[in-house]
Protein backbone atom coordinates (compact mmCIF):
# COMPACT_ATOMS: atom_id res chain seq x y z
CA UNK A 1 35.82 11.44 8.16
CA UNK A 2 35.21 15.03 9.79
CA UNK A 3 32.79 15.32 12.59
CA UNK A 4 29.23 16.21 12.49
CA UNK A 5 27.94 19.25 13.10
CA UNK A 6 27.19 19.82 16.34
CA UNK A 7 23.71 20.84 15.57
CA UNK A 8 22.88 18.21 13.91
CA UNK A 9 23.94 16.26 17.13
CA UNK A 10 21.45 18.09 19.00
CA UNK A 11 18.84 17.56 16.69
CA UNK A 12 18.88 13.66 16.97
CA UNK A 13 19.70 13.61 20.45
CA UNK A 14 17.16 15.88 21.61
CA UNK A 15 15.01 15.26 25.05
CA UNK A 16 12.60 12.04 24.14
CA UNK A 17 9.64 14.10 24.73
CA UNK A 18 10.66 16.74 22.65
CA UNK A 19 8.47 17.40 19.48
CA UNK A 20 10.79 16.83 16.94
CA UNK A 21 11.57 19.63 14.61
CA UNK A 22 9.36 19.85 11.39
CA UNK A 23 11.53 19.22 8.55
CA UNK A 24 11.83 22.08 5.83
CA UNK A 25 10.83 21.27 2.48
CA UNK A 26 12.92 23.13 -0.10
CA UNK A 27 11.37 25.59 -2.40
CA UNK A 28 13.87 25.10 -4.99
CA UNK A 29 14.45 21.38 -5.94
CA UNK A 30 17.94 21.89 -6.85
CA UNK A 31 18.30 23.19 -3.24
CA UNK A 32 19.36 19.83 -1.50
CA UNK A 33 21.90 18.77 -4.18
CA UNK A 34 23.59 21.76 -4.23
CA UNK A 35 23.47 21.40 -0.29
CA UNK A 36 25.35 17.86 -1.02
CA UNK A 37 27.79 19.58 -3.14
CA UNK A 38 28.41 22.01 -0.45
CA UNK A 39 29.52 18.72 2.09
CA UNK A 40 32.78 18.47 0.14
CA UNK A 41 33.42 22.18 0.99
CA UNK A 42 36.66 23.22 2.48
CA UNK A 43 35.27 25.61 4.79
CA UNK A 44 34.28 23.79 7.98
CA UNK A 45 31.12 26.28 8.80
CA UNK A 46 29.63 25.47 4.94
CA UNK A 47 30.06 21.87 5.43
CA UNK A 48 28.17 22.01 8.99
CA UNK A 49 25.76 24.19 7.90
CA UNK A 50 25.02 21.81 4.61
CA UNK A 51 24.70 18.80 6.70
CA UNK A 52 22.41 20.38 8.97
CA UNK A 53 19.61 21.71 6.71
CA UNK A 54 20.40 18.25 4.36
CA UNK A 55 18.65 16.64 8.03
CA UNK A 56 16.46 19.05 8.56
CA UNK A 57 14.76 18.27 4.98
CA UNK A 58 14.03 14.93 5.69
CA UNK A 59 12.55 12.91 2.79
CA UNK A 60 12.66 15.74 0.27
CA UNK A 61 16.72 15.86 0.92
CA UNK A 62 16.21 11.77 -0.39
CA UNK A 63 17.22 11.55 -4.06
CA UNK A 64 20.04 13.92 -3.31
CA UNK A 65 21.72 12.02 -0.51
CA UNK A 66 21.26 8.95 -2.93
CA UNK A 67 23.22 10.16 -5.89
CA UNK A 68 25.70 11.71 -2.95
CA UNK A 69 26.79 8.43 -2.04
CA UNK A 70 28.40 8.11 -5.22
CA UNK A 71 30.07 11.28 -5.58
CA UNK A 72 33.72 10.85 -6.01
CA UNK A 73 34.65 12.78 -3.41
CA UNK A 74 35.26 10.36 -0.47
CA UNK A 75 34.00 12.88 2.10
CA UNK A 76 30.43 13.76 -0.22
CA UNK A 77 30.14 9.82 -0.26
CA UNK A 78 30.84 9.21 3.77
CA UNK A 79 28.79 12.32 4.80
CA UNK A 80 25.72 11.34 2.42
CA UNK A 81 25.71 7.67 3.73
CA UNK A 82 25.91 9.15 7.30
CA UNK A 83 22.88 11.75 6.43
CA UNK A 84 20.44 9.97 4.79
CA UNK A 85 19.38 7.44 7.40
CA UNK A 86 19.05 10.67 10.01
CA UNK A 87 17.22 12.80 8.06
CA UNK A 88 14.63 10.39 6.92
CA UNK A 89 14.45 8.91 10.53
CA UNK A 90 14.15 12.65 11.75
CA UNK A 91 11.40 13.27 9.35
CA UNK A 92 9.46 10.05 10.15
CA UNK A 93 9.21 11.13 13.50
CA UNK A 94 7.82 14.73 12.73
CA UNK A 95 4.71 12.82 10.71
CA UNK A 96 4.32 10.24 13.80
CA UNK A 97 4.38 13.16 16.36
CA UNK A 98 1.54 15.19 13.85
CA UNK A 99 -0.25 11.54 13.66
CA UNK A 100 -0.71 11.24 17.65
CA UNK A 101 -1.39 14.97 18.47
CA UNK A 102 -4.06 14.60 15.69
CA UNK A 103 -6.53 12.89 17.95
CA UNK A 104 -9.36 13.84 16.19
CA UNK A 105 -8.41 12.64 13.07
CA UNK A 106 -8.80 15.93 11.10
CA UNK A 107 -5.63 16.02 9.01
CA UNK A 108 -4.23 13.80 6.65
CA UNK A 109 -1.10 11.71 7.31
CA UNK A 110 1.96 10.94 4.86
CA UNK A 111 2.50 7.50 6.88
CA UNK A 112 3.49 4.59 5.09
CA UNK A 113 0.69 1.72 4.33
CA UNK A 114 -1.59 4.49 6.66
CA UNK A 115 -4.68 3.03 4.45
CA UNK A 116 -4.14 -0.53 4.37
CA UNK A 117 -3.56 -0.12 8.41
CA UNK A 118 -6.69 1.39 8.99
CA UNK A 119 -8.58 -1.13 6.55
CA UNK A 120 -7.14 -4.19 8.35
CA UNK A 121 -6.67 -3.34 11.73
CA UNK A 122 -9.03 0.12 12.23
CA UNK A 123 -9.38 3.82 13.88
CA UNK A 124 -9.67 3.61 17.42
CA UNK A 125 -7.32 4.71 19.58
CA UNK A 126 -5.84 1.29 20.42
CA UNK A 127 -5.34 1.18 16.56
CA UNK A 128 -3.60 4.47 16.72
CA UNK A 129 -1.40 3.62 19.27
CA UNK A 130 -0.23 0.72 17.87
CA UNK A 131 0.34 2.37 14.42
CA UNK A 132 2.67 4.80 16.33
CA UNK A 133 4.73 2.33 18.07
CA UNK A 134 5.11 0.40 15.24
CA UNK A 135 6.49 3.50 13.32
CA UNK A 136 8.63 3.83 16.19
CA UNK A 137 10.33 0.72 16.67
CA UNK A 138 10.87 0.07 13.01
CA UNK A 139 8.95 2.80 10.79
CA UNK A 140 12.01 1.94 8.02
CA UNK A 141 10.30 -1.38 7.34
CA UNK A 142 6.97 -0.57 6.55
CA UNK A 143 7.83 2.17 4.25
CA UNK A 144 9.90 -0.53 2.36
CA UNK A 145 6.57 -2.40 2.09
CA UNK A 146 5.21 0.79 0.43
CA UNK A 147 8.15 2.22 -1.38
CA UNK A 148 10.01 -0.67 -2.69
CA UNK A 149 7.71 -3.93 -2.23
CA UNK A 150 9.85 -5.84 -4.27
CA UNK A 151 12.57 -5.84 -1.61
CA UNK A 152 10.03 -6.78 1.26
CA UNK A 153 10.71 -10.46 1.22
CA UNK A 154 14.49 -10.10 1.96
CA UNK A 155 14.05 -7.30 4.41
CA UNK A 156 11.10 -8.91 6.58
CA UNK A 157 13.19 -12.09 6.71
CA UNK A 158 16.51 -10.22 7.04
CA UNK A 159 14.69 -8.61 10.70
CA UNK A 160 13.21 -11.32 11.81
CA UNK A 161 16.09 -13.72 11.81
CA UNK A 162 18.23 -11.11 13.49
CA UNK A 163 15.16 -10.75 16.18
CA UNK A 164 15.15 -14.55 16.58
CA UNK A 165 19.09 -14.47 16.86
CA UNK A 166 18.82 -11.81 19.70
CA UNK A 167 16.44 -13.77 21.99
CA UNK A 168 17.36 -17.47 21.55
CA UNK A 169 20.88 -17.22 19.77
CA UNK A 170 22.27 -17.43 16.07
CA UNK A 171 19.91 -20.39 14.48
CA UNK A 172 22.00 -21.19 11.56
CA UNK A 173 25.07 -22.72 13.98
CA UNK A 174 25.79 -20.12 16.55
CA UNK A 175 24.05 -22.10 19.37
CA UNK A 176 22.04 -20.25 22.61
CA UNK A 177 25.04 -17.94 23.37
CA UNK A 178 24.28 -15.68 26.07
CA UNK A 179 20.92 -17.50 27.02
CA UNK A 180 17.45 -16.69 26.62
CA UNK A 181 16.77 -13.17 26.45
CA UNK A 182 12.61 -12.80 26.38
CA UNK A 183 12.84 -8.79 26.57
CA UNK A 184 15.59 -8.57 23.83
CA UNK A 185 11.75 -8.59 21.64
CA UNK A 186 10.01 -5.28 21.04
CA UNK A 187 6.39 -6.47 20.34
CA UNK A 188 5.21 -3.65 18.57
CA UNK A 189 7.99 -3.97 15.92
CA UNK A 190 6.80 -8.06 16.18
CA UNK A 191 3.81 -6.26 14.66
CA UNK A 192 5.71 -4.75 11.71
CA UNK A 193 6.90 -7.90 10.85
CA UNK A 194 4.27 -9.61 10.90
CA UNK A 195 1.45 -6.88 9.39
CA UNK A 196 4.62 -6.62 6.51
CA UNK A 197 4.28 -10.54 6.44
CA UNK A 198 0.46 -10.03 5.77
CA UNK A 199 0.91 -8.11 2.00
CA UNK A 200 0.48 -9.39 -1.20
CA UNK A 201 4.38 -8.24 -1.49
CA UNK A 202 5.71 -10.36 0.73
CA UNK A 203 6.75 -13.85 -0.81
CA UNK A 204 8.30 -16.71 1.08
CA UNK A 205 9.55 -19.34 -0.63
CA UNK A 206 8.53 -21.70 2.43
CA UNK A 207 7.20 -21.39 5.88
CA UNK A 208 8.50 -19.18 8.08
CA UNK A 209 9.24 -21.22 11.16
CA UNK A 210 11.46 -19.07 13.12
CA UNK A 211 8.55 -16.20 13.11
CA UNK A 212 6.47 -18.85 14.73
CA UNK A 213 8.67 -18.94 17.36
CA UNK A 214 8.14 -15.50 17.94
CA UNK A 215 4.74 -14.65 17.84
CA UNK A 216 4.59 -17.17 20.29
CA UNK A 217 6.75 -15.81 22.68
CA UNK A 218 5.05 -14.16 26.67
CA UNK A 219 5.85 -10.41 25.26
CA UNK A 220 3.91 -10.96 22.44
CA UNK A 221 1.47 -13.62 23.67
CA UNK A 222 0.78 -10.97 26.90
CA UNK A 223 -0.03 -8.33 24.99
CA UNK A 224 -2.16 -10.13 22.15
CA UNK A 225 -4.77 -11.98 24.89
CA UNK A 226 -5.05 -8.35 26.75
CA UNK A 227 -8.39 -7.16 27.11
CA UNK A 228 -8.35 -3.95 27.80
CA UNK A 229 -5.26 -2.57 25.19
CA UNK A 230 -4.74 -6.38 23.19
CA UNK A 231 -7.88 -5.37 20.47
CA UNK A 232 -5.75 -4.17 17.97
CA UNK A 233 -2.85 -6.54 18.51
CA UNK A 234 -5.49 -9.23 17.75
CA UNK A 235 -6.85 -7.91 14.56
CA UNK A 236 -3.93 -7.15 13.20
CA UNK A 237 -2.15 -11.10 14.21
CA UNK A 238 -5.57 -12.30 12.81
CA UNK A 239 -5.06 -10.41 9.33
CA UNK A 240 -2.03 -12.19 9.06
CA UNK A 241 -2.74 -15.34 10.23
CA UNK A 242 -6.06 -15.33 7.35
CA UNK A 243 -3.59 -13.74 4.71
CA UNK A 244 -0.24 -16.77 5.29
CA UNK A 245 -2.93 -19.03 6.32
CA UNK A 246 -0.65 -22.85 6.13
CA UNK A 247 -0.99 -26.20 8.07
CA UNK A 248 1.67 -25.18 9.89
CA UNK A 249 0.34 -21.96 10.67
CA UNK A 250 -3.01 -23.28 11.40
CA UNK A 251 -1.77 -25.81 13.41
CA UNK A 252 0.48 -23.14 15.50
CA UNK A 253 -2.64 -20.63 16.28
CA UNK A 254 -5.07 -23.42 17.69
CA UNK A 255 -2.92 -23.72 20.12
CA UNK A 256 -2.12 -20.38 20.94
CA UNK A 257 -5.35 -19.24 20.85
CA UNK A 258 -6.51 -22.20 23.09
CA UNK A 259 -3.59 -21.83 25.44
CA UNK A 260 -4.48 -18.37 26.11
CA UNK A 261 -8.08 -18.45 26.12
CA UNK A 262 -8.19 -15.62 22.74
CA UNK A 263 -11.80 -17.22 22.21
CA UNK A 264 -11.75 -14.76 18.85
CA UNK A 265 -9.35 -16.55 17.91
CA UNK A 266 -11.86 -19.31 16.79
CA UNK A 267 -13.73 -17.08 14.52
CA UNK A 268 -10.33 -17.32 12.20
CA UNK A 269 -9.71 -20.90 12.73
CA UNK A 270 -13.35 -21.39 11.51
CA UNK A 271 -13.32 -18.67 8.18
CA UNK A 272 -9.68 -20.78 6.91
CA UNK A 273 -11.51 -24.31 7.98
CA UNK A 274 -14.07 -23.10 5.69
CA UNK A 275 -11.88 -21.36 3.08
CA UNK A 276 -10.05 -24.78 2.66
CA UNK A 277 -7.19 -23.88 3.81
CA UNK A 278 -6.29 -26.73 5.60
CA UNK A 279 -4.71 -29.51 3.42
CA UNK A 280 -3.62 -32.06 5.67
CA UNK A 281 -6.20 -34.71 7.93
CA UNK A 282 -4.51 -33.69 10.23
CA UNK A 283 -4.81 -29.57 10.35
CA UNK A 284 -8.53 -30.11 9.51
CA UNK A 285 -8.85 -32.09 12.91
CA UNK A 286 -6.79 -29.77 14.77
CA UNK A 287 -9.22 -27.34 13.61
CA UNK A 288 -12.44 -29.05 14.67
CA UNK A 289 -10.84 -29.36 18.19
CA UNK A 290 -9.70 -25.82 18.49
CA UNK A 291 -13.10 -24.84 17.39
CA UNK A 292 -14.99 -26.92 19.34
CA UNK A 293 -12.58 -25.90 22.80
CA UNK A 294 -13.16 -22.17 22.33
CA UNK A 295 -16.42 -22.09 20.21
CA UNK A 296 -20.25 -21.74 21.18
CA UNK A 297 -23.62 -23.36 19.82
CA UNK A 298 -23.05 -21.06 16.78
CA UNK A 299 -19.63 -22.84 15.74
CA UNK A 300 -21.95 -26.16 15.29
CA UNK A 301 -22.87 -25.07 11.61
CA UNK A 302 -19.24 -24.72 10.77
CA UNK A 303 -18.42 -28.22 12.00
CA UNK A 304 -21.51 -29.55 9.97
CA UNK A 305 -19.90 -30.52 6.03
CA UNK A 306 -17.33 -32.22 8.39
CA UNK A 307 -19.50 -34.76 9.38
CA UNK A 308 -19.10 -36.31 6.36
CA UNK A 309 -15.88 -36.72 5.66
CA UNK A 310 -14.77 -40.13 5.98
CA UNK A 311 -11.06 -39.56 6.10
CA UNK A 312 -8.85 -41.06 8.55
CA UNK A 313 -6.92 -39.02 10.67
CA UNK A 314 -5.24 -41.99 12.52
CA UNK A 315 -5.45 -45.40 14.45
CA UNK A 316 -7.50 -45.27 17.93
CA UNK A 317 -6.17 -47.16 20.39
CA UNK A 318 -7.98 -48.26 23.65
CA UNK A 319 -6.61 -50.85 26.05
CA UNK A 320 -4.41 -53.18 24.71
CA UNK A 321 -3.30 -52.42 20.89
CA UNK A 322 -5.26 -50.96 17.78
CA UNK A 323 -8.82 -51.04 18.36
CA UNK A 324 -10.12 -48.93 15.00
CA UNK A 325 -9.48 -45.32 13.77
CA UNK A 326 -10.05 -42.24 14.52
CA UNK A 327 -12.14 -40.30 11.41
CA UNK A 328 -12.88 -36.70 10.78
CA UNK A 329 -16.30 -37.47 10.63
CA UNK A 330 -16.03 -38.39 14.26
CA UNK A 331 -14.23 -35.30 15.41
CA UNK A 332 -16.56 -33.25 14.08
CA UNK A 333 -19.82 -35.20 15.99
CA UNK A 334 -17.83 -35.40 19.11
CA UNK A 335 -17.69 -31.21 18.79
CA UNK A 336 -21.01 -30.45 17.65
CA UNK A 337 -22.45 -32.79 20.92
CA UNK A 338 -20.00 -31.22 23.27
CA UNK A 339 -20.70 -27.20 21.96
CA UNK A 340 -24.52 -28.45 21.88
CA UNK A 341 -23.83 -28.65 25.63
CA UNK A 342 -24.30 -32.69 25.83
CA UNK A 343 -21.37 -35.55 27.13
CA UNK A 344 -19.39 -36.75 24.08
CA UNK A 345 -19.58 -40.15 26.41
CA UNK A 346 -23.05 -40.97 25.97
CA UNK A 347 -22.76 -41.21 22.46
CA UNK A 348 -19.51 -44.03 22.70
CA UNK A 349 -16.48 -41.64 22.73
CA UNK A 350 -15.14 -43.40 25.42
CA UNK A 351 -11.92 -41.56 25.77
CA UNK A 352 -13.76 -38.27 25.79
CA UNK A 353 -12.06 -35.96 28.42
CA UNK A 354 -11.54 -32.05 28.64
CA UNK A 355 -8.67 -30.09 30.17
CA UNK A 356 -8.63 -26.47 31.26
CA UNK A 357 -6.62 -24.18 29.00
CA UNK A 358 -5.80 -27.27 26.49
CA UNK A 359 -6.85 -27.89 22.84
CA UNK A 360 -9.63 -31.05 23.34
CA UNK A 361 -7.48 -33.69 21.51
CA UNK A 362 -8.34 -35.54 18.61
CA UNK A 363 -6.78 -38.71 18.95
CA UNK A 364 -9.51 -39.49 21.93
CA UNK A 365 -12.52 -39.20 19.39
CA UNK A 366 -12.44 -42.78 17.96
CA UNK A 367 -14.64 -45.80 18.19
CA UNK A 368 -13.06 -48.90 17.86
CA UNK A 369 -15.60 -50.25 14.72
CA UNK A 370 -17.90 -49.14 12.09
CA UNK A 371 -21.07 -50.34 13.98
CA UNK A 372 -20.34 -48.42 17.00
CA UNK A 373 -19.63 -45.39 14.88
CA UNK A 374 -22.64 -45.47 13.39
CA UNK A 375 -24.85 -46.19 16.72
CA UNK A 376 -23.43 -43.01 17.67
CA UNK A 377 -24.63 -41.00 14.97
CA UNK A 378 -27.84 -43.09 14.51
CA UNK A 379 -28.15 -41.65 18.29
CA UNK A 380 -27.04 -38.17 17.37
CA UNK A 381 -29.80 -38.10 14.49
CA UNK A 382 -32.46 -39.30 16.69
CA UNK A 383 -32.19 -37.42 20.24
CA UNK A 384 -29.49 -34.51 19.56
CA UNK A 385 -32.06 -31.69 19.48
CA UNK A 386 -33.55 -33.49 23.05
CA UNK A 387 -32.46 -31.57 26.24
CA UNK A 388 -29.34 -32.98 27.76
CA UNK A 389 -29.48 -35.36 30.67
CA UNK A 390 -25.62 -35.38 31.22
CA UNK A 391 -24.01 -31.65 30.40
CA UNK A 392 -20.52 -31.10 29.82
CA UNK A 393 -20.01 -27.45 31.17
CA UNK A 394 -22.24 -25.19 29.25
CA UNK A 395 -21.05 -23.90 26.16
CA UNK A 396 -21.92 -19.73 26.39
């Protein structure tokens, strides 16, 4: 195929700091189709001028370029195939630059999912910066989500599998060639994938196991927990958790929030628990422990309904052999006592222990007999409101 025009290359490869040239909107709808026809001209100058103008038209040339890929002329087909993504990329770059310079929010912006993003994540400076970074990293994915929602599931899954392979190797049999590459992932692009995954149009057939391996990586968790720069990341991720909460995701996030001290994550876990999203008994117990680990006294009301749940979580072992069981109500009681500033050991939880930066473990929160359990609940009912004599570290 004949080479791309020098001017076109200059436009697309110009300095990163330079403002992208504004796309040209044709006054005549037929202009883009005429320029596509000229891509097959025998005159070199006509072909180069047409290619440059088509790129500068941006989205206005999309229909003509898409149709041009079906042209009987192989030269026109190849050029349209190459020019279409470049035209759309230049157009998007201009719109992102316009969005960033409008710091007071006085202008209307034609950007993919901007309204939805503002509703879910916000309009403050952190939110604006993250949105712009997402568009720069993979704005095409957000445009697919808005313009072709039927293709969203395949595009999201294809991209996060590629991101996983770039970092870890091929998960489908290629092994870990080249070793672990933590710098291969862009946190803003992962936000694109996570945000797109939170949309109703995304309909996975099974849980996103590979995606969970990505958002638990330091390149993402470090910014997620940042007090200065992570507010928008957290709001976006919390929205994803609430939209897609299943047992696997809830368990993953209970560990993630606790390990990285993401205290506002406790409210997300509380809402999905209250909403009945934790279906497995182990997930309920883990969620209760997350609330007890990260929460404060005001979260006791979230635990109250579970004080009557006698479902067995697992057998309970102390010393030699089995001695009873852990029930959901036991876990809820231990967390209630803890968040109230008292020590669960004083109420019969002999194996109670707390370790810094670790999720409290539900397997240690059982009783050897129903009599011991009844005594613990009776004691809490009688003196739970009294001042604590033996306290855990205060829960503020």
